[in-house]
């Protein structure tokens, strides 16, 4: 199955470069449809560039704090000199939705 997701330029570039290998999302209804072996077409919201990735694994967690504890920050899209802070996800998702759905790390590789 093919899924479509939009990304800001920075994480898009890191996936394209192969340094960001875990896409972090709310485990909502849309992400619950993603399975190992599926493909995700990511679109850069800045310039419309598209890359196609294969889903290698899916990791479900009750919240982003639990997810962040299990992966190196580079694989989550952070630079060496940045702090990987699960609170960063509150820019995108409400505390209520995080409590309702939990978090998912989708391990990907570029096709």
PDB file of N, CA and C in Angstrom:
ATOM      1  N   UNK A   1       0.844  -1.174   0.000  1.00  0.00           N
ATOM      2  CA  UNK A   1       0.000   0.000   0.000  1.00  0.00           C
ATOM      3  C   UNK A   1       0.893   1.243   0.000  1.00  0.00           C
ATOM      4  N   UNK A   2       0.455   2.278  -0.658  1.00  0.00           N
ATOM      5  CA  UNK A   2       1.180   3.536  -0.732  1.00  0.00           C
ATOM      6  C   UNK A   2       0.490   4.577   0.144  1.00  0.00           C
ATOM      7  N   UNK A   3       1.275   5.239   0.987  1.00  0.00           N
ATOM      8  CA  UNK A   3       0.781   6.279   1.873  1.00  0.00           C
ATOM      9  C   UNK A   3       1.429   7.605   1.476  1.00  0.00           C
ATOM     10  N   UNK A   4       0.758   8.698   1.772  1.00  0.00           N
ATOM     11  CA  UNK A   4       1.258  10.025   1.426  1.00  0.00           C
ATOM     12  C   UNK A   4       1.400  10.851   2.697  1.00  0.00           C
ATOM     13  N   UNK A   5       2.599  11.429   2.892  1.00  0.00           N
ATOM     14  CA  UNK A   5       2.849  12.274   4.055  1.00  0.00           C
ATOM     15  C   UNK A   5       3.643  13.493   3.613  1.00  0.00           C
ATOM     16  N   UNK A   6       3.359  14.592   4.278  1.00  0.00           N
ATOM     17  CA  UNK A   6       4.059  15.847   3.981  1.00  0.00           C
ATOM     18  C   UNK A   6       5.080  16.098   5.085  1.00  0.00           C
ATOM     19  N   UNK A   7       6.195  16.723   4.703  1.00  0.00           N
ATOM     20  CA  UNK A   7       7.262  17.021   5.661  1.00  0.00           C
ATOM     21  C   UNK A   7       7.793  18.430   5.433  1.00  0.00           C
ATOM     22  N   UNK A   8       8.235  19.049   6.515  1.00  0.00           N
ATOM     23  CA  UNK A   8       8.975  20.295   6.376  1.00  0.00           C
ATOM     24  C   UNK A   8      10.312  19.991   5.715  1.00  0.00           C
ATOM     25  N   UNK A   9      10.943  21.023   5.193  1.00  0.00           N
ATOM     26  CA  UNK A   9      12.153  20.867   4.395  1.00  0.00           C
ATOM     27  C   UNK A   9      13.295  20.170   5.148  1.00  0.00           C
ATOM     28  N   UNK A  10      13.536  20.563   6.402  1.00  0.00           N
ATOM     29  CA  UNK A  10      14.665  20.000   7.147  1.00  0.00           C
ATOM     30  C   UNK A  10      14.557  18.477   7.325  1.00  0.00           C
ATOM     31  N   UNK A  11      13.457  17.948   7.863  1.00  0.00           N
ATOM     32  CA  UNK A  11      13.379  16.487   7.980  1.00  0.00           C
ATOM     33  C   UNK A  11      13.367  15.780   6.621  1.00  0.00           C
ATOM     34  N   UNK A  12      12.769  16.411   5.620  1.00  0.00           N
ATOM     35  CA  UNK A  12      12.761  15.836   4.270  1.00  0.00           C
ATOM     36  C   UNK A  12      14.191  15.654   3.774  1.00  0.00           C
ATOM     37  N   UNK A  13      15.003  16.695   3.943  1.00  0.00           N
ATOM     38  CA  UNK A  13      16.397  16.655   3.504  1.00  0.00           C
ATOM     39  C   UNK A  13      17.178  15.575   4.247  1.00  0.00           C
ATOM     40  N   UNK A  14      16.910  15.412   5.535  1.00  0.00           N
ATOM     41  CA  UNK A  14      17.611  14.400   6.337  1.00  0.00           C
ATOM     42  C   UNK A  14      17.206  12.982   5.931  1.00  0.00           C
ATOM     43  N   UNK A  15      15.946  12.772   5.590  1.00  0.00           N
ATOM     44  CA  UNK A  15      15.525  11.459   5.084  1.00  0.00           C
ATOM     45  C   UNK A  15      16.199  11.199   3.749  1.00  0.00           C
ATOM     46  N   UNK A  16      16.203  12.192   2.892  1.00  0.00           N
ATOM     47  CA  UNK A  16      16.818  12.066   1.574  1.00  0.00           C
ATOM     48  C   UNK A  16      18.310  11.732   1.680  1.00  0.00           C
ATOM     49  N   UNK A  17      18.977  12.315   2.679  1.00  0.00           N
ATOM     50  CA  UNK A  17      20.405  12.069   2.899  1.00  0.00           C
ATOM     51  C   UNK A  17      20.663  10.728   3.593  1.00  0.00           C
ATOM     52  N   UNK A  18      19.598  10.116   4.124  1.00  0.00           N
ATOM     53  CA  UNK A  18      19.740   8.829   4.795  1.00  0.00           C
ATOM     54  C   UNK A  18      20.118   8.910   6.255  1.00  0.00           C
ATOM     55  N   UNK A  19      20.123  10.111   6.843  1.00  0.00           N
ATOM     56  CA  UNK A  19      20.475  10.235   8.257  1.00  0.00           C
ATOM     57  C   UNK A  19      19.258  10.092   9.167  1.00  0.00           C
ATOM     58  N   UNK A  20      18.104  10.545   8.722  1.00  0.00           N
ATOM     59  CA  UNK A  20      16.853  10.375   9.489  1.00  0.00           C
ATOM     60  C   UNK A  20      16.190   9.101   8.987  1.00  0.00           C
ATOM     61  N   UNK A  21      16.161   8.080   9.838  1.00  0.00           N
ATOM     62  CA  UNK A  21      15.614   6.781   9.433  1.00  0.00           C
ATOM     63  C   UNK A  21      14.352   6.399  10.195  1.00  0.00           C
ATOM     64  N   UNK A  22      13.973   7.221  11.171  1.00  0.00           N
ATOM     65  CA  UNK A  22      12.743   7.000  11.940  1.00  0.00           C
ATOM     66  C   UNK A  22      11.848   8.230  11.770  1.00  0.00           C
ATOM     67  N   UNK A  23      10.718   8.050  11.127  1.00  0.00           N
ATOM     68  CA  UNK A  23       9.743   9.136  11.011  1.00  0.00           C
ATOM     69  C   UNK A  23       8.822   9.051  12.221  1.00  0.00           C
ATOM     70  N   UNK A  24       8.691  10.165  12.931  1.00  0.00           N
ATOM     71  CA  UNK A  24       7.936  10.228  14.188  1.00  0.00           C
ATOM     72  C   UNK A  24       6.576  10.845  13.908  1.00  0.00           C
ATOM     73  N   UNK A  25       5.544  10.140  14.300  1.00  0.00           N
ATOM     74  CA  UNK A  25       4.183  10.645  14.095  1.00  0.00           C
ATOM     75  C   UNK A  25       3.285  10.251  15.258  1.00  0.00           C
ATOM     76  N   UNK A  26       2.153  10.927  15.326  1.00  0.00           N
ATOM     77  CA  UNK A  26       1.078  10.509  16.208  1.00  0.00           C
ATOM     78  C   UNK A  26       0.525   9.204  15.649  1.00  0.00           C
ATOM     79  N   UNK A  27       0.213   8.239  16.506  1.00  0.00           N
ATOM     80  CA  UNK A  27      -0.308   6.958  16.023  1.00  0.00           C
ATOM     81  C   UNK A  27      -1.832   7.056  15.857  1.00  0.00           C
ATOM     82  N   UNK A  28      -2.242   7.975  14.997  1.00  0.00           N
ATOM     83  CA  UNK A  28      -3.661   8.215  14.748  1.00  0.00           C
ATOM     84  C   UNK A  28      -4.204   7.226  13.715  1.00  0.00           C
ATOM     85  N   UNK A  29      -5.456   7.417  13.320  1.00  0.00           N
ATOM     86  CA  UNK A  29      -6.102   6.488  12.394  1.00  0.00           C
ATOM     87  C   UNK A  29      -5.316   6.329  11.095  1.00  0.00           C
ATOM     88  N   UNK A  30      -4.788   7.425  10.573  1.00  0.00           N
ATOM     89  CA  UNK A  30      -4.049   7.377   9.308  1.00  0.00           C
ATOM     90  C   UNK A  30      -2.781   6.530   9.452  1.00  0.00           C
ATOM     91  N   UNK A  31      -2.024   6.724  10.539  1.00  0.00           N
ATOM     92  CA  UNK A  31      -0.772   5.976  10.739  1.00  0.00           C
ATOM     93  C   UNK A  31      -1.033   4.522  11.129  1.00  0.00           C
ATOM     94  N   UNK A  32      -2.198   4.229  11.696  1.00  0.00           N
ATOM     95  CA  UNK A  32      -2.528   2.851  12.042  1.00  0.00           C
ATOM     96  C   UNK A  32      -2.710   1.984  10.796  1.00  0.00           C
ATOM     97  N   UNK A  33      -2.876   2.612   9.640  1.00  0.00           N
ATOM     98  CA  UNK A  33      -3.019   1.876   8.373  1.00  0.00           C
ATOM     99  C   UNK A  33      -1.680   1.499   7.755  1.00  0.00           C
ATOM    100  N   UNK A  34      -0.578   2.049   8.278  1.00  0.00           N
ATOM    101  CA  UNK A  34       0.755   1.785   7.724  1.00  0.00           C
ATOM    102  C   UNK A  34       1.262   0.445   8.240  1.00  0.00           C
ATOM    103  N   UNK A  35       1.764  -0.371   7.328  1.00  0.00           N
ATOM    104  CA  UNK A  35       2.290  -1.690   7.673  1.00  0.00           C
ATOM    105  C   UNK A  35       3.711  -1.859   7.149  1.00  0.00           C
ATOM    106  N   UNK A  36       4.441  -2.769   7.754  1.00  0.00           N
ATOM    107  CA  UNK A  36       5.771  -3.117   7.269  1.00  0.00           C
ATOM    108  C   UNK A  36       5.654  -3.570   5.820  1.00  0.00           C
ATOM    109  N   UNK A  37       6.556  -3.074   4.980  1.00  0.00           N
ATOM    110  CA  UNK A  37       6.536  -3.403   3.560  1.00  0.00           C
ATOM    111  C   UNK A  37       5.797  -2.385   2.706  1.00  0.00           C
ATOM    112  N   UNK A  38       4.986  -1.540   3.333  1.00  0.00           N
ATOM    113  CA  UNK A  38       4.293  -0.479   2.598  1.00  0.00           C
ATOM    114  C   UNK A  38       5.297   0.563   2.129  1.00  0.00           C
ATOM    115  N   UNK A  39       4.838   1.466   1.281  1.00  0.00           N
ATOM    116  CA  UNK A  39       5.663   2.581   0.837  1.00  0.00           C
ATOM    117  C   UNK A  39       5.022   3.891   1.280  1.00  0.00           C
ATOM    118  N   UNK A  40       5.882   4.868   1.560  1.00  0.00           N
ATOM    119  CA  UNK A  40       5.421   6.209   1.917  1.00  0.00           C
ATOM    120  C   UNK A  40       6.039   7.182   0.931  1.00  0.00           C
ATOM    121  N   UNK A  41       5.186   7.991   0.329  1.00  0.00           N
ATOM    122  CA  UNK A  41       5.656   9.074  -0.526  1.00  0.00           C
ATOM    123  C   UNK A  41       5.662  10.338   0.314  1.00  0.00           C
ATOM    124  N   UNK A  42       6.866  10.841   0.597  1.00  0.00           N
ATOM    125  CA  UNK A  42       7.022  12.077   1.350  1.00  0.00           C
ATOM    126  C   UNK A  42       7.139  13.236   0.379  1.00  0.00           C
ATOM    127  N   UNK A  43       6.421  14.318   0.662  1.00  0.00           N
ATOM    128  CA  UNK A  43       6.484  15.527  -0.136  1.00  0.00           C
ATOM    129  C   UNK A  43       7.021  16.660   0.723  1.00  0.00           C
ATOM    130  N   UNK A  44       8.035  17.339   0.225  1.00  0.00           N
ATOM    131  CA  UNK A  44       8.613  18.512   0.878  1.00  0.00           C
ATOM    132  C   UNK A  44       7.624  19.667   0.697  1.00  0.00           C
ATOM    133  N   UNK A  45       7.083  20.196   1.808  1.00  0.00           N
ATOM    134  CA  UNK A  45       6.082  21.251   1.719  1.00  0.00           C
ATOM    135  C   UNK A  45       6.665  22.562   1.198  1.00  0.00           C
ATOM    136  N   UNK A  46       7.991  22.703   1.250  1.00  0.00           N
ATOM    137  CA  UNK A  46       8.633  23.935   0.791  1.00  0.00           C
ATOM    138  C   UNK A  46       8.722  24.011  -0.721  1.00  0.00           C
ATOM    139  N   UNK A  47       9.140  22.897  -1.346  1.00  0.00           N
ATOM    140  CA  UNK A  47       9.399  22.947  -2.786  1.00  0.00           C
ATOM    141  C   UNK A  47       8.669  21.881  -3.604  1.00  0.00           C
ATOM    142  N   UNK A  48       7.883  21.020  -2.951  1.00  0.00           N
ATOM    143  CA  UNK A  48       7.117  20.010  -3.671  1.00  0.00           C
ATOM    144  C   UNK A  48       7.905  18.784  -4.091  1.00  0.00           C
ATOM    145  N   UNK A  49       9.192  18.720  -3.721  1.00  0.00           N
ATOM    146  CA  UNK A  49      10.001  17.546  -4.070  1.00  0.00           C
ATOM    147  C   UNK A  49       9.429  16.304  -3.390  1.00  0.00           C
ATOM    148  N   UNK A  50       9.567  15.169  -4.048  1.00  0.00           N
ATOM    149  CA  UNK A  50       8.980  13.921  -3.561  1.00  0.00           C
ATOM    150  C   UNK A  50      10.068  12.846  -3.471  1.00  0.00           C
ATOM    151  N   UNK A  51      10.009  12.042  -2.397  1.00  0.00           N
ATOM    152  CA  UNK A  51      10.845  10.841  -2.307  1.00  0.00           C
ATOM    153  C   UNK A  51       9.952   9.677  -1.887  1.00  0.00           C
ATOM    154  N   UNK A  52      10.336   8.498  -2.311  1.00  0.00           N
ATOM    155  CA  UNK A  52       9.585   7.289  -1.993  1.00  0.00           C
ATOM    156  C   UNK A  52      10.410   6.437  -1.044  1.00  0.00           C
ATOM    157  N   UNK A  53       9.795   6.019   0.060  1.00  0.00           N
ATOM    158  CA  UNK A  53      10.484   5.221   1.070  1.00  0.00           C
ATOM    159  C   UNK A  53       9.706   3.938   1.349  1.00  0.00           C
ATOM    160  N   UNK A  54      10.441   2.937   1.787  1.00  0.00           N
ATOM    161  CA  UNK A  54       9.846   1.655   2.173  1.00  0.00           C
ATOM    162  C   UNK A  54       9.789   1.592   3.696  1.00  0.00           C
ATOM    163  N   UNK A  55       8.693   1.062   4.237  1.00  0.00           N
ATOM    164  CA  UNK A  55       8.535   0.899   5.677  1.00  0.00           C
ATOM    165  C   UNK A  55       9.236  -0.395   6.089  1.00  0.00           C
ATOM    166  N   UNK A  56      10.276  -0.251   6.915  1.00  0.00           N
ATOM    167  CA  UNK A  56      11.046  -1.401   7.377  1.00  0.00           C
ATOM    168  C   UNK A  56      10.513  -1.963   8.689  1.00  0.00           C
ATOM    169  N   UNK A  57      10.022  -1.065   9.548  1.00  0.00           N
ATOM    170  CA  UNK A  57       9.507  -1.505  10.841  1.00  0.00           C
ATOM    171  C   UNK A  57       8.614  -0.420  11.426  1.00  0.00           C
ATOM    172  N   UNK A  58       7.798  -0.813  12.387  1.00  0.00           N
ATOM    173  CA  UNK A  58       6.874   0.112  13.045  1.00  0.00           C
ATOM    174  C   UNK A  58       7.007  -0.098  14.549  1.00  0.00           C
ATOM    175  N   UNK A  59       7.244   1.001  15.278  1.00  0.00           N
ATOM    176  CA  UNK A  59       7.443   0.946  16.716  1.00  0.00           C
ATOM    177  C   UNK A  59       6.397   1.818  17.398  1.00  0.00           C
ATOM    178  N   UNK A  60       5.543   1.210  18.218  1.00  0.00           N
ATOM    179  CA  UNK A  60       4.447   1.931  18.867  1.00  0.00           C
ATOM    180  C   UNK A  60       4.797   2.205  20.328  1.00  0.00           C
ATOM    181  N   UNK A  61       4.448   3.405  20.793  1.00  0.00           N
ATOM    182  CA  UNK A  61       4.742   3.830  22.158  1.00  0.00           C
ATOM    183  C   UNK A  61       3.550   4.596  22.726  1.00  0.00           C
ATOM    184  N   UNK A  62       3.438   4.642  24.059  1.00  0.00           N
ATOM    185  CA  UNK A  62       2.333   5.391  24.663  1.00  0.00           C
ATOM    186  C   UNK A  62       2.467   6.899  24.485  1.00  0.00           C
ATOM    187  N   UNK A  63       3.710   7.373  24.287  1.00  0.00           N
ATOM    188  CA  UNK A  63       3.938   8.816  24.105  1.00  0.00           C
ATOM    189  C   UNK A  63       5.301   9.022  23.442  1.00  0.00           C
ATOM    190  N   UNK A  64       5.596  10.269  23.132  1.00  0.00           N
ATOM    191  CA  UNK A  64       6.859  10.581  22.446  1.00  0.00           C
ATOM    192  C   UNK A  64       8.064  10.444  23.371  1.00  0.00           C
ATOM    193  N   UNK A  65       7.874  10.650  24.652  1.00  0.00           N
ATOM    194  CA  UNK A  65       8.975  10.495  25.599  1.00  0.00           C
ATOM    195  C   UNK A  65       9.501   9.054  25.566  1.00  0.00           C
ATOM    196  N   UNK A  66       8.616   8.086  25.581  1.00  0.00           N
ATOM    197  CA  UNK A  66       9.023   6.676  25.519  1.00  0.00           C
ATOM    198  C   UNK A  66       9.702   6.365  24.185  1.00  0.00           C
ATOM    199  N   UNK A  67       9.180   6.926  23.111  1.00  0.00           N
ATOM    200  CA  UNK A  67       9.773   6.707  21.786  1.00  0.00           C
ATOM    201  C   UNK A  67      11.193   7.261  21.735  1.00  0.00           C
ATOM    202  N   UNK A  68      11.384   8.487  22.195  1.00  0.00           N
ATOM    203  CA  UNK A  68      12.688   9.156  22.125  1.00  0.00           C
ATOM    204  C   UNK A  68      13.768   8.402  22.895  1.00  0.00           C
ATOM    205  N   UNK A  69      13.386   7.713  23.961  1.00  0.00           N
ATOM    206  CA  UNK A  69      14.363   6.997  24.791  1.00  0.00           C
ATOM    207  C   UNK A  69      14.996   5.809  24.064  1.00  0.00           C
ATOM    208  N   UNK A  70      14.397   5.361  22.975  1.00  0.00           N
ATOM    209  CA  UNK A  70      14.819   4.123  22.338  1.00  0.00           C
ATOM    210  C   UNK A  70      15.663   4.276  21.077  1.00  0.00           C
ATOM    211  N   UNK A  71      15.926   5.520  20.654  1.00  0.00           N
ATOM    212  CA  UNK A  71      16.626   5.705  19.379  1.00  0.00           C
ATOM    213  C   UNK A  71      17.680   6.792  19.474  1.00  0.00           C
ATOM    214  N   UNK A  72      18.762   6.641  18.716  1.00  0.00           N
ATOM    215  CA  UNK A  72      19.753   7.722  18.656  1.00  0.00           C
ATOM    216  C   UNK A  72      19.117   8.952  18.023  1.00  0.00           C
ATOM    217  N   UNK A  73      19.505  10.109  18.512  1.00  0.00           N
ATOM    218  CA  UNK A  73      18.858  11.341  18.046  1.00  0.00           C
ATOM    219  C   UNK A  73      19.060  11.587  16.554  1.00  0.00           C
ATOM    220  N   UNK A  74      20.171  11.138  15.979  1.00  0.00           N
ATOM    221  CA  UNK A  74      20.382  11.315  14.541  1.00  0.00           C
ATOM    222  C   UNK A  74      19.314  10.581  13.735  1.00  0.00           C
ATOM    223  N   UNK A  75      18.953   9.377  14.163  1.00  0.00           N
ATOM    224  CA  UNK A  75      17.945   8.602  13.424  1.00  0.00           C
ATOM    225  C   UNK A  75      16.560   9.249  13.506  1.00  0.00           C
ATOM    226  N   UNK A  76      16.349  10.108  14.529  1.00  0.00           N
ATOM    227  CA  UNK A  76      15.077  10.820  14.684  1.00  0.00           C
ATOM    228  C   UNK A  76      15.070  12.166  13.958  1.00  0.00           C
ATOM    229  N   UNK A  77      16.224  12.540  13.398  1.00  0.00           N
ATOM    230  CA  UNK A  77      16.280  13.783  12.633  1.00  0.00           C
ATOM    231  C   UNK A  77      16.948  14.953  13.331  1.00  0.00           C
ATOM    232  N   UNK A  78      17.571  14.698  14.479  1.00  0.00           N
ATOM    233  CA  UNK A  78      18.284  15.760  15.192  1.00  0.00           C
ATOM    234  C   UNK A  78      19.752  15.765  14.780  1.00  0.00           C
ATOM    235  N   UNK A  79      20.364  16.939  14.853  1.00  0.00           N
ATOM    236  CA  UNK A  79      21.799  17.071  14.580  1.00  0.00           C
ATOM    237  C   UNK A  79      22.583  16.739  15.850  1.00  0.00           C
ATOM    238  N   UNK A  80      23.872  16.478  15.681  1.00  0.00           N
ATOM    239  CA  UNK A  80      24.742  16.161  16.821  1.00  0.00           C
ATOM    240  C   UNK A  80      24.695  17.225  17.905  1.00  0.00           C
ATOM    241  N   UNK A  81      24.591  18.494  17.504  1.00  0.00           N
ATOM    242  CA  UNK A  81      24.639  19.590  18.466  1.00  0.00           C
ATOM    243  C   UNK A  81      23.254  20.007  18.982  1.00  0.00           C
ATOM    244  N   UNK A  82      22.234  19.237  18.656  1.00  0.00           N
ATOM    245  CA  UNK A  82      20.872  19.541  19.123  1.00  0.00           C
ATOM    246  C   UNK A  82      20.467  18.578  20.240  1.00  0.00           C
ATOM    247  N   UNK A  83      19.606  19.070  21.134  1.00  0.00           N
ATOM    248  CA  UNK A  83      19.020  18.199  22.151  1.00  0.00           C
ATOM    249  C   UNK A  83      17.766  17.563  21.570  1.00  0.00           C
ATOM    250  N   UNK A  84      17.653  16.252  21.719  1.00  0.00           N
ATOM    251  CA  UNK A  84      16.442  15.543  21.281  1.00  0.00           C
ATOM    252  C   UNK A  84      15.423  15.635  22.409  1.00  0.00           C
ATOM    253  N   UNK A  85      14.421  16.454  22.217  1.00  0.00           N
ATOM    254  CA  UNK A  85      13.433  16.716  23.263  1.00  0.00           C
ATOM    255  C   UNK A  85      12.043  16.293  22.788  1.00  0.00           C
ATOM    256  N   UNK A  86      11.442  15.313  23.464  1.00  0.00           N
ATOM    257  CA  UNK A  86      10.096  14.880  23.054  1.00  0.00           C
ATOM    258  C   UNK A  86       9.058  15.995  23.094  1.00  0.00           C
ATOM    259  N   UNK A  87       9.315  17.033  23.879  1.00  0.00           N
ATOM    260  CA  UNK A  87       8.392  18.176  23.929  1.00  0.00           C
ATOM    261  C   UNK A  87       8.326  18.904  22.588  1.00  0.00           C
ATOM    262  N   UNK A  88       9.325  18.689  21.726  1.00  0.00           N
ATOM    263  CA  UNK A  88       9.295  19.290  20.389  1.00  0.00           C
ATOM    264  C   UNK A  88       8.042  18.870  19.620  1.00  0.00           C
ATOM    265  N   UNK A  89       7.532  17.695  19.912  1.00  0.00           N
ATOM    266  CA  UNK A  89       6.367  17.185  19.191  1.00  0.00           C
ATOM    267  C   UNK A  89       5.084  17.920  19.569  1.00  0.00           C
ATOM    268  N   UNK A  90       5.120  18.682  20.682  1.00  0.00           N
ATOM    269  CA  UNK A  90       3.933  19.450  21.068  1.00  0.00           C
ATOM    270  C   UNK A  90       3.676  20.609  20.104  1.00  0.00           C
ATOM    271  N   UNK A  91       4.634  20.894  19.221  1.00  0.00           N
ATOM    272  CA  UNK A  91       4.411  21.896  18.166  1.00  0.00           C
ATOM    273  C   UNK A  91       3.410  21.371  17.138  1.00  0.00           C
ATOM    274  N   UNK A  92       3.340  20.060  17.027  1.00  0.00           N
ATOM    275  CA  UNK A  92       2.515  19.428  15.987  1.00  0.00           C
ATOM    276  C   UNK A  92       1.257  18.756  16.530  1.00  0.00           C
ATOM    277  N   UNK A  93       1.335  18.267  17.766  1.00  0.00           N
ATOM    278  CA  UNK A  93       0.233  17.474  18.315  1.00  0.00           C
ATOM    279  C   UNK A  93      -0.146  17.957  19.710  1.00  0.00           C
ATOM    280  N   UNK A  94      -1.438  17.946  20.006  1.00  0.00           N
ATOM    281  CA  UNK A  94      -1.909  18.350  21.328  1.00  0.00           C
ATOM    282  C   UNK A  94      -1.653  17.231  22.347  1.00  0.00           C
ATOM    283  N   UNK A  95      -1.550  17.624  23.611  1.00  0.00           N
ATOM    284  CA  UNK A  95      -1.368  16.635  24.681  1.00  0.00           C
ATOM    285  C   UNK A  95      -2.541  15.657  24.720  1.00  0.00           C
ATOM    286  N   UNK A  96      -3.727  16.154  24.411  1.00  0.00           N
ATOM    287  CA  UNK A  96      -4.912  15.291  24.408  1.00  0.00           C
ATOM    288  C   UNK A  96      -4.794  14.207  23.331  1.00  0.00           C
ATOM    289  N   UNK A  97      -4.363  14.592  22.137  1.00  0.00           N
ATOM    290  CA  UNK A  97      -4.219  13.607  21.061  1.00  0.00           C
ATOM    291  C   UNK A  97      -3.077  12.626  21.331  1.00  0.00           C
ATOM    292  N   UNK A  98      -1.996  13.112  21.950  1.00  0.00           N
ATOM    293  CA  UNK A  98      -0.900  12.205  22.297  1.00  0.00           C
ATOM    294  C   UNK A  98      -1.397  11.175  23.305  1.00  0.00           C
ATOM    295  N   UNK A  99      -2.158  11.619  24.301  1.00  0.00           N
ATOM    296  CA  UNK A  99      -2.711  10.697  25.297  1.00  0.00           C
ATOM    297  C   UNK A  99      -3.697   9.718  24.658  1.00  0.00           C
ATOM    298  N   UNK A 100      -4.464  10.185  23.695  1.00  0.00           N
ATOM    299  CA  UNK A 100      -5.473   9.347  23.035  1.00  0.00           C
ATOM    300  C   UNK A 100      -4.851   8.302  22.105  1.00  0.00           C
ATOM    301  N   UNK A 101      -3.877   8.727  21.280  1.00  0.00           N
ATOM    302  CA  UNK A 101      -3.355   7.854  20.223  1.00  0.00           C
ATOM    303  C   UNK A 101      -1.986   7.250  20.509  1.00  0.00           C
ATOM    304  N   UNK A 102      -1.162   7.926  21.279  1.00  0.00           N
ATOM    305  CA  UNK A 102       0.211   7.480  21.463  1.00  0.00           C
ATOM    306  C   UNK A 102       1.074   7.915  20.289  1.00  0.00           C
ATOM    307  N   UNK A 103       2.282   7.384  20.248  1.00  0.00           N
ATOM    308  CA  UNK A 103       3.260   7.780  19.240  1.00  0.00           C
ATOM    309  C   UNK A 103       3.714   6.562  18.453  1.00  0.00           C
ATOM    310  N   UNK A 104       4.211   6.821  17.253  1.00  0.00           N
ATOM    311  CA  UNK A 104       4.740   5.747  16.425  1.00  0.00           C
ATOM    312  C   UNK A 104       6.037   6.211  15.786  1.00  0.00           C
ATOM    313  N   UNK A 105       7.006   5.316  15.752  1.00  0.00           N
ATOM    314  CA  UNK A 105       8.229   5.535  15.002  1.00  0.00           C
ATOM    315  C   UNK A 105       8.182   4.614  13.798  1.00  0.00           C
ATOM    316  N   UNK A 106       8.211   5.194  12.614  1.00  0.00           N
ATOM    317  CA  UNK A 106       8.144   4.398  11.396  1.00  0.00           C
ATOM    318  C   UNK A 106       9.555   4.353  10.804  1.00  0.00           C
ATOM    319  N   UNK A 107      10.176   3.169  10.878  1.00  0.00           N
ATOM    320  CA  UNK A 107      11.518   3.016  10.343  1.00  0.00           C
ATOM    321  C   UNK A 107      11.413   2.891   8.823  1.00  0.00           C
ATOM    322  N   UNK A 108      12.193   3.716   8.130  1.00  0.00           N
ATOM    323  CA  UNK A 108      12.099   3.791   6.673  1.00  0.00           C
ATOM    324  C   UNK A 108      13.464   3.692   6.022  1.00  0.00           C
ATOM    325  N   UNK A 109      13.453   3.337   4.756  1.00  0.00           N
ATOM    326  CA  UNK A 109      14.637   3.427   3.915  1.00  0.00           C
ATOM    327  C   UNK A 109      14.191   3.944   2.550  1.00  0.00           C
ATOM    328  N   UNK A 110      15.068   4.687   1.900  1.00  0.00           N
ATOM    329  CA  UNK A 110      14.739   5.247   0.592  1.00  0.00           C
ATOM    330  C   UNK A 110      14.736   4.142  -0.442  1.00  0.00           C
ATOM    331  N   UNK A 111      13.726   4.139  -1.312  1.00  0.00           N
ATOM    332  CA  UNK A 111      13.664   3.148  -2.405  1.00  0.00           C
ATOM    333  C   UNK A 111      14.724   3.439  -3.446  1.00  0.00           C
TER     334      UNK A 111
END
